Amino acid sequence: MATNDLSYHSSPVTDLFASSRSESLSPLSDAHVRSFHELGFCAGIRVLTDEQVEQLRLELEPLLDPGHPGHELFHEFHTNESENPDQVLMHALGAWRIAPAFHDLLWNLAITAPASQLLGGAVRFWHDQLFVKPDTRGGSGAWHQDYSYWTRTQPMAHLTCWIPLDDVDEASGTVHYVPKSHLWDRLPITGLAGDMNAISKVLTTEQLEAFTPVPMTLRKGEASFHHPLTIHGSPPNKSERRRRAIALNFCLDGTKSNTDEPLLEGIPVIPKGERLRGRFFPLLYVP
């Protein structure tokens, strides 16, 4: 057992999110729920306090160094997903195993309760992601559907909570959603970085005509939730501000493995047809 591998802890290890455990949480508004189901996303939901944002920022900085202790616990780590030094998109999976604040964020009721409301049941962890775009030369995140990459699970019972750690807008390369694209069929994979518009090669004429992305202008600690088929992406960061963000990916309890290969790099196989469970896919919330 790696002494710093927090995946061995199936409950919070700090009190950073204790306030959300002690307070009664208001459900998402009818407008948020309607937006999620009709448009494929909802946004502007406050899930972090300023204090929590600052602690996550503090713990993020050393994680960006590939020489940081515990780096081997990342399932993936890309200093630059785009491989273009003028278009930098740092991307990694597995911070929850290394840093206490990122670990405990999984159990933040301000996130898991809305996730349960949208999924319609108990919430299980799928995986986390870090995205960092430096100022003025931050790279793009190409248009894609999450579930195109997640067919190693079934059924499609997922959602994502995207949380910026900085105020974000169009200039800083915030996430954009294509309304109602969650009603389209699953599309082929066309890449997560590099050519922002590679997806256009696999869209129909009707889909191209309906392709009208909406930018998320959010304050730090606010969140958006999106459906696993909602097309989303983010343009380059041309501002003089960093753009740091976390994506937490959840699934409905009962989701099964659809492969006999490891679901994430470096973890034991869950055989095809068996339910996600155990140390790497903890149950986070039961309504």
C-alpha atoms as a PDB file:
ATOM      1  CA  MET A   1       0.000   0.000   0.000  1.00  0.00           C
ATOM      2  CA  ALA A   2       1.381   3.389  -0.981  1.00  0.00           C
ATOM      3  CA  THR A   3       1.288   5.521   2.169  1.00  0.00           C
ATOM      4  CA  ASN A   4       0.102   8.559   0.218  1.00  0.00           C
ATOM      5  CA  ASP A   5      -2.540   6.754  -1.864  1.00  0.00           C
ATOM      6  CA  LEU A   6      -5.796   8.274  -0.628  1.00  0.00           C
ATOM      7  CA  SER A   7      -7.903   5.823  -2.650  1.00  0.00           C
ATOM      8  CA  TYR A   8      -7.626   3.564   0.397  1.00  0.00           C
ATOM      9  CA  HIS A   9      -9.867   6.039   2.260  1.00  0.00           C
ATOM     10  CA  SER A  10     -13.555   5.705   1.331  1.00  0.00           C
ATOM     11  CA  SER A  11     -14.627   8.775   3.294  1.00  0.00           C
ATOM     12  CA  PRO A  12     -13.295  12.320   3.813  1.00  0.00           C
ATOM     13  CA  VAL A  13      -9.913  12.695   5.498  1.00  0.00           C
ATOM     14  CA  THR A  14     -10.320  16.412   6.367  1.00  0.00           C
ATOM     15  CA  ASP A  15     -13.084  18.774   7.460  1.00  0.00           C
ATOM     16  CA  LEU A  16     -12.752  21.018   4.398  1.00  0.00           C
ATOM     17  CA  PHE A  17     -16.275  20.195   3.193  1.00  0.00           C
ATOM     18  CA  ALA A  18     -17.822  19.619   6.620  1.00  0.00           C
ATOM     19  CA  SER A  19     -20.135  22.626   6.215  1.00  0.00           C
ATOM     20  CA  SER A  20     -21.922  20.949   3.323  1.00  0.00           C
ATOM     21  CA  ARG A  21     -22.408  17.831   5.455  1.00  0.00           C
ATOM     22  CA  SER A  22     -23.946  19.801   8.305  1.00  0.00           C
ATOM     23  CA  GLU A  23     -26.222  22.101   6.332  1.00  0.00           C
ATOM     24  CA  SER A  24     -29.533  21.187   4.737  1.00  0.00           C
ATOM     25  CA  LEU A  25     -29.023  21.357   0.992  1.00  0.00           C
ATOM     26  CA  SER A  26     -31.524  22.879  -1.362  1.00  0.00           C
ATOM     27  CA  PRO A  27     -32.235  20.738  -4.412  1.00  0.00           C
ATOM     28  CA  LEU A  28     -31.559  22.062  -7.864  1.00  0.00           C
ATOM     29  CA  SER A  29     -34.256  24.407  -9.074  1.00  0.00           C
ATOM     30  CA  ASP A  30     -36.871  23.215 -11.534  1.00  0.00           C
ATOM     31  CA  ALA A  31     -35.204  25.476 -14.103  1.00  0.00           C
ATOM     32  CA  HIS A  32     -31.829  23.766 -13.610  1.00  0.00           C
ATOM     33  CA  VAL A  33     -33.326  20.298 -13.918  1.00  0.00           C
ATOM     34  CA  ARG A  34     -35.326  21.308 -16.975  1.00  0.00           C
ATOM     35  CA  SER A  35     -32.224  22.824 -18.572  1.00  0.00           C
ATOM     36  CA  PHE A  36     -30.234  19.643 -17.989  1.00  0.00           C
ATOM     37  CA  HIS A  37     -32.853  17.389 -19.545  1.00  0.00           C
ATOM     38  CA  GLU A  38     -33.905  19.709 -22.365  1.00  0.00           C
ATOM     39  CA  LEU A  39     -30.570  21.339 -23.286  1.00  0.00           C
ATOM     40  CA  GLY A  40     -28.094  18.782 -21.967  1.00  0.00           C
ATOM     41  CA  PHE A  41     -26.536  21.006 -19.287  1.00  0.00           C
ATOM     42  CA  CYS A  42     -27.269  23.352 -16.402  1.00  0.00           C
ATOM     43  CA  ALA A  43     -24.919  25.920 -14.898  1.00  0.00           C
ATOM     44  CA  GLY A  44     -24.300  28.581 -12.290  1.00  0.00           C
ATOM     45  CA  ILE A  45     -24.613  26.251  -9.275  1.00  0.00           C
ATOM     46  CA  ARG A  46     -22.433  27.305  -6.340  1.00  0.00           C
ATOM     47  CA  VAL A  47     -20.631  24.201  -5.045  1.00  0.00           C
ATOM     48  CA  LEU A  48     -17.477  25.628  -3.392  1.00  0.00           C
ATOM     49  CA  THR A  49     -16.801  28.395  -0.929  1.00  0.00           C
ATOM     50  CA  ASP A  50     -13.911  30.783  -1.510  1.00  0.00           C
ATOM     51  CA  GLU A  51     -11.988  29.011   1.279  1.00  0.00           C
ATOM     52  CA  GLN A  52     -12.449  25.647  -0.431  1.00  0.00           C
ATOM     53  CA  VAL A  53     -11.351  27.083  -3.775  1.00  0.00           C
ATOM     54  CA  GLU A  54      -8.186  28.483  -2.198  1.00  0.00           C
ATOM     55  CA  GLN A  55      -7.289  25.135  -0.616  1.00  0.00           C
ATOM     56  CA  LEU A  56      -7.802  23.312  -3.913  1.00  0.00           C
ATOM     57  CA  ARG A  57      -5.641  25.900  -5.684  1.00  0.00           C
ATOM     58  CA  LEU A  58      -2.935  25.459  -3.048  1.00  0.00           C
ATOM     59  CA  GLU A  59      -2.896  21.679  -3.422  1.00  0.00           C
ATOM     60  CA  LEU A  60      -3.044  21.873  -7.219  1.00  0.00           C
ATOM     61  CA  GLU A  61       0.276  23.696  -7.672  1.00  0.00           C
ATOM     62  CA  PRO A  62       2.664  20.901  -6.612  1.00  0.00           C
ATOM     63  CA  LEU A  63       0.631  18.357  -8.599  1.00  0.00           C
ATOM     64  CA  LEU A  64       1.620  20.141 -11.817  1.00  0.00           C
ATOM     65  CA  ASP A  65       5.236  19.059 -11.296  1.00  0.00           C
ATOM     66  CA  PRO A  66       5.853  15.537 -12.706  1.00  0.00           C
ATOM     67  CA  GLY A  67       8.516  15.131 -10.012  1.00  0.00           C
ATOM     68  CA  HIS A  68       5.993  15.540  -7.196  1.00  0.00           C
ATOM     69  CA  PRO A  69       5.776  12.600  -4.742  1.00  0.00           C
ATOM     70  CA  GLY A  70       2.774  10.472  -5.620  1.00  0.00           C
ATOM     71  CA  HIS A  71       2.887  11.410  -9.297  1.00  0.00           C
ATOM     72  CA  GLU A  72       2.866   7.715 -10.213  1.00  0.00           C
ATOM     73  CA  LEU A  73      -0.687   7.493  -8.812  1.00  0.00           C
ATOM     74  CA  PHE A  74      -2.133   9.519 -11.677  1.00  0.00           C
ATOM     75  CA  HIS A  75      -3.991   7.304 -14.155  1.00  0.00           C
ATOM     76  CA  GLU A  76      -2.995   9.776 -16.872  1.00  0.00           C
ATOM     77  CA  PHE A  77      -0.856  12.911 -16.823  1.00  0.00           C
ATOM     78  CA  HIS A  78      -0.242  15.203 -19.782  1.00  0.00           C
ATOM     79  CA  THR A  79       1.862  18.307 -19.218  1.00  0.00           C
ATOM     80  CA  ASN A  80       0.463  19.400 -22.560  1.00  0.00           C
ATOM     81  CA  GLU A  81      -2.291  17.337 -24.161  1.00  0.00           C
ATOM     82  CA  SER A  82      -1.903  19.246 -27.435  1.00  0.00           C
ATOM     83  CA  GLU A  83       1.890  18.776 -27.740  1.00  0.00           C
ATOM     84  CA  ASN A  84       2.063  22.321 -29.132  1.00  0.00           C
ATOM     85  CA  PRO A  85       4.177  24.571 -26.868  1.00  0.00           C
ATOM     86  CA  ASP A  86       2.151  27.580 -27.989  1.00  0.00           C
ATOM     87  CA  GLN A  87      -1.181  25.909 -27.143  1.00  0.00           C
ATOM     88  CA  VAL A  88      -0.820  24.373 -23.677  1.00  0.00           C
ATOM     89  CA  LEU A  89      -3.546  22.208 -22.140  1.00  0.00           C
ATOM     90  CA  MET A  90      -2.463  20.382 -18.991  1.00  0.00           C
ATOM     91  CA  HIS A  91      -4.739  17.374 -18.350  1.00  0.00           C
ATOM     92  CA  ALA A  92      -4.575  14.648 -15.705  1.00  0.00           C
ATOM     93  CA  LEU A  93      -6.729  11.939 -14.111  1.00  0.00           C
ATOM     94  CA  GLY A  94      -6.377  10.801 -10.512  1.00  0.00           C
ATOM     95  CA  ALA A  95      -5.671  13.831  -8.318  1.00  0.00           C
ATOM     96  CA  TRP A  96      -8.103  12.448  -5.729  1.00  0.00           C
ATOM     97  CA  ARG A  97      -5.559   9.728  -4.914  1.00  0.00           C
ATOM     98  CA  ILE A  98      -2.796  12.223  -4.099  1.00  0.00           C
ATOM     99  CA  ALA A  99      -4.113  15.457  -2.532  1.00  0.00           C
ATOM    100  CA  PRO A 100      -6.512  15.557   0.449  1.00  0.00           C
ATOM    101  CA  ALA A 101      -8.698  18.412  -0.822  1.00  0.00           C
ATOM    102  CA  PHE A 102      -9.176  16.722  -4.197  1.00  0.00           C
ATOM    103  CA  HIS A 103      -9.948  13.447  -2.425  1.00  0.00           C
ATOM    104  CA  ASP A 104     -12.546  14.964  -0.136  1.00  0.00           C
ATOM    105  CA  LEU A 105     -14.136  16.954  -2.948  1.00  0.00           C
ATOM    106  CA  LEU A 106     -15.715  13.679  -4.102  1.00  0.00           C
ATOM    107  CA  TRP A 107     -17.848  13.601  -0.963  1.00  0.00           C
ATOM    108  CA  ASN A 108     -18.927  17.257  -1.144  1.00  0.00           C
ATOM    109  CA  LEU A 109     -22.707  17.121  -0.774  1.00  0.00           C
ATOM    110  CA  ALA A 110     -23.040  20.407  -2.645  1.00  0.00           C
ATOM    111  CA  ILE A 111     -21.965  18.354  -5.682  1.00  0.00           C
ATOM    112  CA  THR A 112     -23.183  14.814  -5.035  1.00  0.00           C
ATOM    113  CA  ALA A 113     -26.728  15.762  -4.015  1.00  0.00           C
ATOM    114  CA  PRO A 114     -27.402  17.619  -7.314  1.00  0.00           C
ATOM    115  CA  ALA A 115     -25.697  14.781  -9.194  1.00  0.00           C
ATOM    116  CA  SER A 116     -28.091  12.317  -7.579  1.00  0.00           C
ATOM    117  CA  GLN A 117     -31.035  14.511  -8.446  1.00  0.00           C
ATOM    118  CA  LEU A 118     -30.013  14.538 -12.119  1.00  0.00           C
ATOM    119  CA  LEU A 119     -28.993  10.871 -12.318  1.00  0.00           C
ATOM    120  CA  GLY A 120     -32.087   9.705 -10.451  1.00  0.00           C
ATOM    121  CA  GLY A 121     -30.437   7.572  -7.781  1.00  0.00           C
ATOM    122  CA  ALA A 122     -27.291   6.704  -5.843  1.00  0.00           C
ATOM    123  CA  VAL A 123     -24.061   8.281  -7.093  1.00  0.00           C
ATOM    124  CA  ARG A 124     -20.858   6.343  -7.694  1.00  0.00           C
ATOM    125  CA  PHE A 125     -17.481   7.860  -8.616  1.00  0.00           C
ATOM    126  CA  TRP A 126     -16.199   7.295 -12.152  1.00  0.00           C
ATOM    127  CA  HIS A 127     -13.051   9.454 -12.360  1.00  0.00           C
ATOM    128  CA  ASP A 128     -11.731  12.987 -11.907  1.00  0.00           C
ATOM    129  CA  GLN A 129      -9.841  15.293 -14.268  1.00  0.00           C
ATOM    130  CA  LEU A 130      -7.678  18.384 -13.939  1.00  0.00           C
ATOM    131  CA  PHE A 131      -7.441  20.956 -16.725  1.00  0.00           C
ATOM    132  CA  VAL A 132      -5.058  23.912 -16.602  1.00  0.00           C
ATOM    133  CA  LYS A 133      -4.635  26.525 -19.334  1.00  0.00           C
ATOM    134  CA  PRO A 134      -1.862  29.077 -18.787  1.00  0.00           C
ATOM    135  CA  ASP A 135      -2.518  32.720 -19.533  1.00  0.00           C
ATOM    136  CA  THR A 136      -2.199  33.935 -23.161  1.00  0.00           C
ATOM    137  CA  ARG A 137      -1.140  30.548 -24.563  1.00  0.00           C
ATOM    138  CA  GLY A 138      -3.678  28.129 -23.129  1.00  0.00           C
ATOM    139  CA  GLY A 139      -4.714  25.488 -25.632  1.00  0.00           C
ATOM    140  CA  SER A 140      -8.171  24.441 -26.760  1.00  0.00           C
ATOM    141  CA  GLY A 141     -10.202  21.465 -25.669  1.00  0.00           C
ATOM    142  CA  ALA A 142     -11.671  20.047 -28.865  1.00  0.00           C
ATOM    143  CA  TRP A 143     -15.400  19.428 -29.296  1.00  0.00           C
ATOM    144  CA  HIS A 144     -16.391  15.968 -28.063  1.00  0.00           C
ATOM    145  CA  GLN A 145     -18.955  13.834 -26.263  1.00  0.00           C
ATOM    146  CA  ASP A 146     -17.706  12.234 -23.045  1.00  0.00           C
ATOM    147  CA  TYR A 147     -19.463   8.917 -23.526  1.00  0.00           C
ATOM    148  CA  SER A 148     -17.683   8.353 -26.835  1.00  0.00           C
ATOM    149  CA  TYR A 149     -14.651   7.711 -24.587  1.00  0.00           C
ATOM    150  CA  TRP A 150     -16.607   5.855 -21.896  1.00  0.00           C
ATOM    151  CA  THR A 151     -18.194   2.965 -23.797  1.00  0.00           C
ATOM    152  CA  ARG A 152     -16.083   0.687 -21.584  1.00  0.00           C
ATOM    153  CA  THR A 153     -18.997   1.067 -19.173  1.00  0.00           C
ATOM    154  CA  GLN A 154     -22.692   0.334 -19.606  1.00  0.00           C
ATOM    155  CA  PRO A 155     -25.408   1.488 -19.566  1.00  0.00           C
ATOM    156  CA  MET A 156     -24.875   5.182 -20.350  1.00  0.00           C
ATOM    157  CA  ALA A 157     -25.767   6.471 -16.877  1.00  0.00           C
ATOM    158  CA  HIS A 158     -23.177   9.191 -16.306  1.00  0.00           C
ATOM    159  CA  LEU A 159     -22.852  12.931 -15.833  1.00  0.00           C
ATOM    160  CA  THR A 160     -20.055  15.423 -15.306  1.00  0.00           C
ATOM    161  CA  CYS A 161     -19.674  18.329 -12.902  1.00  0.00           C
ATOM    162  CA  TRP A 162     -17.253  20.960 -14.268  1.00  0.00           C
ATOM    163  CA  ILE A 163     -15.861  23.388 -11.669  1.00  0.00           C
ATOM    164  CA  PRO A 164     -13.557  26.317 -12.463  1.00  0.00           C
ATOM    165  CA  LEU A 165     -11.078  27.428  -9.807  1.00  0.00           C
ATOM    166  CA  ASP A 166     -10.837  30.821 -11.530  1.00  0.00           C
ATOM    167  CA  ASP A 167     -13.502  33.176 -12.828  1.00  0.00           C
ATOM    168  CA  VAL A 168     -14.020  32.058 -16.432  1.00  0.00           C
ATOM    169  CA  ASP A 169     -15.419  33.594 -19.603  1.00  0.00           C
ATOM    170  CA  GLU A 170     -14.963  33.371 -23.364  1.00  0.00           C
ATOM    171  CA  ALA A 171     -11.604  35.141 -23.299  1.00  0.00           C
ATOM    172  CA  SER A 172     -10.099  32.680 -20.806  1.00  0.00           C
ATOM    173  CA  GLY A 173     -11.270  29.613 -22.710  1.00  0.00           C
ATOM    174  CA  THR A 174     -14.219  28.497 -20.625  1.00  0.00           C
ATOM    175  CA  VAL A 175     -16.209  25.392 -21.491  1.00  0.00           C
ATOM    176  CA  HIS A 176     -18.908  25.785 -24.166  1.00  0.00           C
ATOM    177  CA  TYR A 177     -21.924  23.494 -24.642  1.00  0.00           C
ATOM    178  CA  VAL A 178     -23.921  22.753 -27.790  1.00  0.00           C
ATOM    179  CA  PRO A 179     -27.582  22.858 -26.685  1.00  0.00           C
ATOM    180  CA  LYS A 180     -29.643  19.721 -27.324  1.00  0.00           C
ATOM    181  CA  SER A 181     -26.670  17.804 -28.731  1.00  0.00           C
ATOM    182  CA  HIS A 182     -27.288  15.181 -26.011  1.00  0.00           C
ATOM    183  CA  LEU A 183     -30.263  14.133 -28.160  1.00  0.00           C
ATOM    184  CA  TRP A 184     -27.952  13.204 -31.048  1.00  0.00           C
ATOM    185  CA  ASP A 185     -26.429   9.769 -31.559  1.00  0.00           C
ATOM    186  CA  ARG A 186     -23.058   8.888 -30.109  1.00  0.00           C
ATOM    187  CA  LEU A 187     -20.345  10.220 -32.391  1.00  0.00           C
ATOM    188  CA  PRO A 188     -16.927   8.792 -33.339  1.00  0.00           C
ATOM    189  CA  ILE A 189     -13.903   9.987 -31.376  1.00  0.00           C
ATOM    190  CA  THR A 190     -12.156  12.889 -33.098  1.00  0.00           C
ATOM    191  CA  GLY A 191      -9.677  13.946 -30.384  1.00  0.00           C
ATOM    192  CA  LEU A 192      -9.514  15.999 -27.180  1.00  0.00           C
ATOM    193  CA  ALA A 193      -6.898  18.546 -28.214  1.00  0.00           C
ATOM    194  CA  GLY A 194      -5.354  20.037 -31.317  1.00  0.00           C
ATOM    195  CA  ASP A 195      -7.944  20.674 -34.021  1.00  0.00           C
ATOM    196  CA  MET A 196     -10.873  22.318 -32.240  1.00  0.00           C
ATOM    197  CA  ASN A 197     -13.215  21.655 -35.142  1.00  0.00           C
ATOM    198  CA  ALA A 198     -12.257  18.066 -36.009  1.00  0.00           C
ATOM    199  CA  ILE A 199     -15.738  16.978 -34.960  1.00  0.00           C
ATOM    200  CA  SER A 200     -17.231  18.744 -37.980  1.00  0.00           C
ATOM    201  CA  LYS A 201     -16.050  15.832 -40.120  1.00  0.00           C
ATOM    202  CA  VAL A 202     -18.525  13.461 -38.436  1.00  0.00           C
ATOM    203  CA  LEU A 203     -21.567  15.751 -38.147  1.00  0.00           C
ATOM    204  CA  THR A 204     -24.541  15.700 -40.489  1.00  0.00           C
ATOM    205  CA  THR A 205     -25.650  18.809 -42.351  1.00  0.00           C
ATOM    206  CA  GLU A 206     -28.527  19.229 -39.894  1.00  0.00           C
ATOM    207  CA  GLN A 207     -26.168  18.906 -36.913  1.00  0.00           C
ATOM    208  CA  LEU A 208     -23.778  21.465 -38.351  1.00  0.00           C
ATOM    209  CA  GLU A 209     -26.664  23.898 -38.787  1.00  0.00           C
ATOM    210  CA  ALA A 210     -27.714  23.351 -35.167  1.00  0.00           C
ATOM    211  CA  PHE A 211     -24.145  23.706 -33.863  1.00  0.00           C
ATOM    212  CA  THR A 212     -24.486  26.890 -31.797  1.00  0.00           C
ATOM    213  CA  PRO A 213     -22.201  26.633 -28.732  1.00  0.00           C
ATOM    214  CA  VAL A 214     -23.057  28.508 -25.536  1.00  0.00           C
ATOM    215  CA  PRO A 215     -20.149  29.718 -23.330  1.00  0.00           C
ATOM    216  CA  MET A 216     -20.287  29.227 -19.574  1.00  0.00           C
ATOM    217  CA  THR A 217     -19.450  32.469 -17.787  1.00  0.00           C
ATOM    218  CA  LEU A 218     -18.891  31.293 -14.221  1.00  0.00           C
ATOM    219  CA  ARG A 219     -17.342  32.541 -11.014  1.00  0.00           C
ATOM    220  CA  LYS A 220     -14.723  30.420  -9.282  1.00  0.00           C
ATOM    221  CA  GLY A 221     -16.460  27.670  -7.298  1.00  0.00           C
ATOM    222  CA  GLU A 222     -19.599  27.684  -9.436  1.00  0.00           C
ATOM    223  CA  ALA A 223     -20.334  24.567 -11.470  1.00  0.00           C
ATOM    224  CA  SER A 224     -22.010  23.281 -14.549  1.00  0.00           C
ATOM    225  CA  PHE A 225     -23.417  19.774 -14.933  1.00  0.00           C
ATOM    226  CA  HIS A 226     -23.636  18.111 -18.320  1.00  0.00           C
ATOM    227  CA  HIS A 227     -25.043  14.960 -19.931  1.00  0.00           C
ATOM    228  CA  PRO A 228     -22.506  12.379 -21.237  1.00  0.00           C
ATOM    229  CA  LEU A 229     -23.590  12.976 -24.852  1.00  0.00           C
ATOM    230  CA  THR A 230     -23.610  16.781 -24.702  1.00  0.00           C
ATOM    231  CA  ILE A 231     -21.006  18.100 -27.121  1.00  0.00           C
ATOM    232  CA  HIS A 232     -18.655  20.469 -25.356  1.00  0.00           C
ATOM    233  CA  GLY A 233     -15.257  22.027 -25.795  1.00  0.00           C
ATOM    234  CA  SER A 234     -13.244  25.090 -24.897  1.00  0.00           C
ATOM    235  CA  PRO A 235     -11.349  27.594 -27.053  1.00  0.00           C
ATOM    236  CA  PRO A 236      -7.807  28.776 -26.284  1.00  0.00           C
ATOM    237  CA  ASN A 237      -7.116  30.979 -23.286  1.00  0.00           C
ATOM    238  CA  LYS A 238      -6.143  34.324 -24.771  1.00  0.00           C
ATOM    239  CA  SER A 239      -6.571  36.256 -21.531  1.00  0.00           C
ATOM    240  CA  GLU A 240      -3.885  37.253 -19.061  1.00  0.00           C
ATOM    241  CA  ARG A 241      -5.441  34.936 -16.452  1.00  0.00           C
ATOM    242  CA  ARG A 242      -4.847  31.242 -15.798  1.00  0.00           C
ATOM    243  CA  ARG A 243      -7.795  28.923 -16.275  1.00  0.00           C
ATOM    244  CA  ARG A 244      -7.805  26.075 -13.775  1.00  0.00           C
ATOM    245  CA  ALA A 245     -10.708  23.635 -13.628  1.00  0.00           C
ATOM    246  CA  ILE A 246     -11.796  20.288 -12.210  1.00  0.00           C
ATOM    247  CA  ALA A 247     -14.136  17.794 -13.818  1.00  0.00           C
ATOM    248  CA  LEU A 248     -15.791  15.203 -11.596  1.00  0.00           C
ATOM    249  CA  ASN A 249     -17.357  12.349 -13.511  1.00  0.00           C
ATOM    250  CA  PHE A 250     -20.056  10.281 -11.828  1.00  0.00           C
ATOM    251  CA  CYS A 251     -22.226   7.323 -12.715  1.00  0.00           C
ATOM    252  CA  LEU A 252     -25.405   5.819 -11.370  1.00  0.00           C
ATOM    253  CA  ASP A 253     -24.804   3.015  -8.898  1.00  0.00           C
ATOM    254  CA  GLY A 254     -25.249  -0.236 -10.806  1.00  0.00           C
ATOM    255  CA  THR A 255     -23.256   0.849 -13.867  1.00  0.00           C
ATOM    256  CA  LYS A 256     -21.238  -2.109 -15.173  1.00  0.00           C
ATOM    257  CA  SER A 257     -17.900  -2.718 -16.799  1.00  0.00           C
ATOM    258  CA  ASN A 258     -18.106  -3.335 -20.541  1.00  0.00           C
ATOM    259  CA  THR A 259     -14.562  -4.625 -20.972  1.00  0.00           C
ATOM    260  CA  ASP A 260     -12.100  -7.149 -19.620  1.00  0.00           C
ATOM    261  CA  GLU A 261      -9.359  -4.516 -19.760  1.00  0.00           C
ATOM    262  CA  PRO A 262      -8.598  -2.121 -16.872  1.00  0.00           C
ATOM    263  CA  LEU A 263     -11.175   0.692 -16.766  1.00  0.00           C
ATOM    264  CA  LEU A 264      -8.402   3.141 -15.824  1.00  0.00           C
ATOM    265  CA  GLU A 265      -4.653   2.826 -16.201  1.00  0.00           C
ATOM    266  CA  GLY A 266      -3.037   1.049 -13.269  1.00  0.00           C
ATOM    267  CA  ILE A 267      -6.087  -0.440 -11.544  1.00  0.00           C
ATOM    268  CA  PRO A 268      -7.359  -4.030 -11.303  1.00  0.00           C
ATOM    269  CA  VAL A 269      -9.759  -5.328 -13.938  1.00  0.00           C
ATOM    270  CA  ILE A 270     -13.487  -5.366 -13.243  1.00  0.00           C
ATOM    271  CA  PRO A 271     -14.674  -8.145 -15.562  1.00  0.00           C
ATOM    272  CA  LYS A 272     -17.176  -7.318 -18.274  1.00  0.00           C
ATOM    273  CA  GLY A 273     -20.716  -7.408 -16.928  1.00  0.00           C
ATOM    274  CA  GLU A 274     -19.752  -6.794 -13.294  1.00  0.00           C
ATOM    275  CA  ARG A 275     -20.774  -3.646 -11.438  1.00  0.00           C
ATOM    276  CA  LEU A 276     -18.355  -0.810 -10.748  1.00  0.00           C
ATOM    277  CA  ARG A 277     -17.468  -0.920  -7.060  1.00  0.00           C
ATOM    278  CA  GLY A 278     -14.567  -1.071  -4.653  1.00  0.00           C
ATOM    279  CA  ARG A 279     -11.627   1.128  -3.861  1.00  0.00           C
ATOM    280  CA  PHE A 280     -11.406   3.032  -7.157  1.00  0.00           C
ATOM    281  CA  PHE A 281     -15.138   3.538  -7.700  1.00  0.00           C
ATOM    282  CA  PRO A 282     -16.520   4.414  -4.253  1.00  0.00           C
ATOM    283  CA  LEU A 283     -20.199   4.987  -3.561  1.00  0.00           C
ATOM    284  CA  LEU A 284     -20.493   8.686  -2.759  1.00  0.00           C
ATOM    285  CA  TYR A 285     -24.158   9.452  -2.107  1.00  0.00           C
ATOM    286  CA  VAL A 286     -27.368   7.524  -1.501  1.00  0.00           C
ATOM    287  CA  PRO A 287     -30.571   9.619  -1.579  1.00  0.00           C
END
